[in-house]
Amino acid sequence: MSPVFRKEQRHLSADERDQLNAIKQLAQDLSDLIDMLPASHSRDNAQTKLEECVMWSVKAVADT
């Protein structure tokens, strides 16, 4: 059984680093668009869900 919390980070390949950079850049672009929407609970929720999406996407790249 693998540990739930990894104590050491593994080194990412160049392709994996490129994937992470692409994910983060696209997320930043979308975040900037969301920020231009009128302030509302829905806008705040969209930002939160985007942050969650990025977290899981980064984890998917790093955990492979």
C-alpha atoms as a PDB file:
ATOM      1  CA  MET A   1       0.000   0.000   0.000  1.00  0.00           C
ATOM      2  CA  SER A   2       1.393   3.384  -0.915  1.00  0.00           C
ATOM      3  CA  PRO A   3       1.576   6.135   1.699  1.00  0.00           C
ATOM      4  CA  VAL A   4      -1.190   8.708   1.644  1.00  0.00           C
ATOM      5  CA  PHE A   5       1.187  11.604   2.190  1.00  0.00           C
ATOM      6  CA  ARG A   6       4.394  11.472   0.231  1.00  0.00           C
ATOM      7  CA  LYS A   7       7.320  12.770   2.302  1.00  0.00           C
ATOM      8  CA  GLU A   8       9.528  13.561  -0.665  1.00  0.00           C
ATOM      9  CA  GLN A   9       8.675  15.073  -3.998  1.00  0.00           C
ATOM     10  CA  ARG A  10       9.701  13.227  -7.098  1.00  0.00           C
ATOM     11  CA  HIS A  11      11.458  15.009  -9.923  1.00  0.00           C
ATOM     12  CA  LEU A  12       9.175  15.905 -12.806  1.00  0.00           C
ATOM     13  CA  SER A  13      10.134  15.317 -16.397  1.00  0.00           C
ATOM     14  CA  ALA A  14      10.344  18.206 -18.836  1.00  0.00           C
ATOM     15  CA  ASP A  15       7.016  17.119 -20.364  1.00  0.00           C
ATOM     16  CA  GLU A  16       5.348  17.073 -16.948  1.00  0.00           C
ATOM     17  CA  ARG A  17       6.694  20.544 -16.141  1.00  0.00           C
ATOM     18  CA  ASP A  18       5.350  21.752 -19.495  1.00  0.00           C
ATOM     19  CA  GLN A  19       1.945  20.249 -18.669  1.00  0.00           C
ATOM     20  CA  LEU A  20       1.887  21.988 -15.291  1.00  0.00           C
ATOM     21  CA  ASN A  21       2.847  25.312 -16.841  1.00  0.00           C
ATOM     22  CA  ALA A  22       0.114  24.947 -19.480  1.00  0.00           C
ATOM     23  CA  ILE A  23      -2.516  24.073 -16.852  1.00  0.00           C
ATOM     24  CA  LYS A  24      -1.541  27.040 -14.706  1.00  0.00           C
ATOM     25  CA  GLN A  25      -1.429  29.479 -17.626  1.00  0.00           C
ATOM     26  CA  LEU A  26      -4.844  28.433 -18.933  1.00  0.00           C
ATOM     27  CA  ALA A  27      -6.253  28.631 -15.407  1.00  0.00           C
ATOM     28  CA  GLN A  28      -4.807  32.122 -14.953  1.00  0.00           C
ATOM     29  CA  ASP A  29      -6.366  33.247 -18.232  1.00  0.00           C
ATOM     30  CA  LEU A  30      -9.752  31.885 -17.167  1.00  0.00           C
ATOM     31  CA  SER A  31      -9.387  33.402 -13.706  1.00  0.00           C
ATOM     32  CA  ASP A  32      -8.747  36.796 -15.273  1.00  0.00           C
ATOM     33  CA  LEU A  33     -11.963  36.457 -17.305  1.00  0.00           C
ATOM     34  CA  ILE A  34     -13.942  35.380 -14.250  1.00  0.00           C
ATOM     35  CA  ASP A  35     -12.621  38.405 -12.349  1.00  0.00           C
ATOM     36  CA  MET A  36     -14.200  40.655 -14.976  1.00  0.00           C
ATOM     37  CA  LEU A  37     -17.683  39.335 -14.147  1.00  0.00           C
ATOM     38  CA  PRO A  38     -19.909  41.306 -11.780  1.00  0.00           C
ATOM     39  CA  ALA A  39     -19.200  40.531  -8.125  1.00  0.00           C
ATOM     40  CA  SER A  40     -21.501  37.782  -6.896  1.00  0.00           C
ATOM     41  CA  HIS A  41     -21.604  34.539  -4.999  1.00  0.00           C
ATOM     42  CA  SER A  42     -21.575  32.711  -8.330  1.00  0.00           C
ATOM     43  CA  ARG A  43     -18.380  34.469  -9.429  1.00  0.00           C
ATOM     44  CA  ASP A  44     -16.708  33.632  -6.108  1.00  0.00           C
ATOM     45  CA  ASN A  45     -17.841  30.032  -6.457  1.00  0.00           C
ATOM     46  CA  ALA A  46     -16.446  29.865 -10.004  1.00  0.00           C
ATOM     47  CA  GLN A  47     -13.042  31.053  -8.762  1.00  0.00           C
ATOM     48  CA  THR A  48     -13.054  28.515  -5.944  1.00  0.00           C
ATOM     49  CA  LYS A  49     -13.973  25.668  -8.281  1.00  0.00           C
ATOM     50  CA  LEU A  50     -11.283  26.756 -10.737  1.00  0.00           C
ATOM     51  CA  GLU A  51      -8.708  26.642  -7.939  1.00  0.00           C
ATOM     52  CA  GLU A  52      -9.926  23.172  -7.019  1.00  0.00           C
ATOM     53  CA  CYS A  53      -9.726  22.067 -10.640  1.00  0.00           C
ATOM     54  CA  VAL A  54      -6.140  23.266 -10.909  1.00  0.00           C
ATOM     55  CA  MET A  55      -5.234  21.498  -7.665  1.00  0.00           C
ATOM     56  CA  TRP A  56      -6.588  18.161  -8.911  1.00  0.00           C
ATOM     57  CA  SER A  57      -5.050  18.626 -12.360  1.00  0.00           C
ATOM     58  CA  VAL A  58      -1.624  19.327 -10.886  1.00  0.00           C
ATOM     59  CA  LYS A  59      -2.003  16.308  -8.620  1.00  0.00           C
ATOM     60  CA  ALA A  60      -2.914  14.139 -11.614  1.00  0.00           C
ATOM     61  CA  VAL A  61       0.299  15.149 -13.383  1.00  0.00           C
ATOM     62  CA  ALA A  62       2.514  14.846 -10.307  1.00  0.00           C
ATOM     63  CA  ASP A  63       1.111  11.521  -9.084  1.00  0.00           C
ATOM     64  CA  THR A  64       1.645   9.548 -12.263  1.00  0.00           C
END
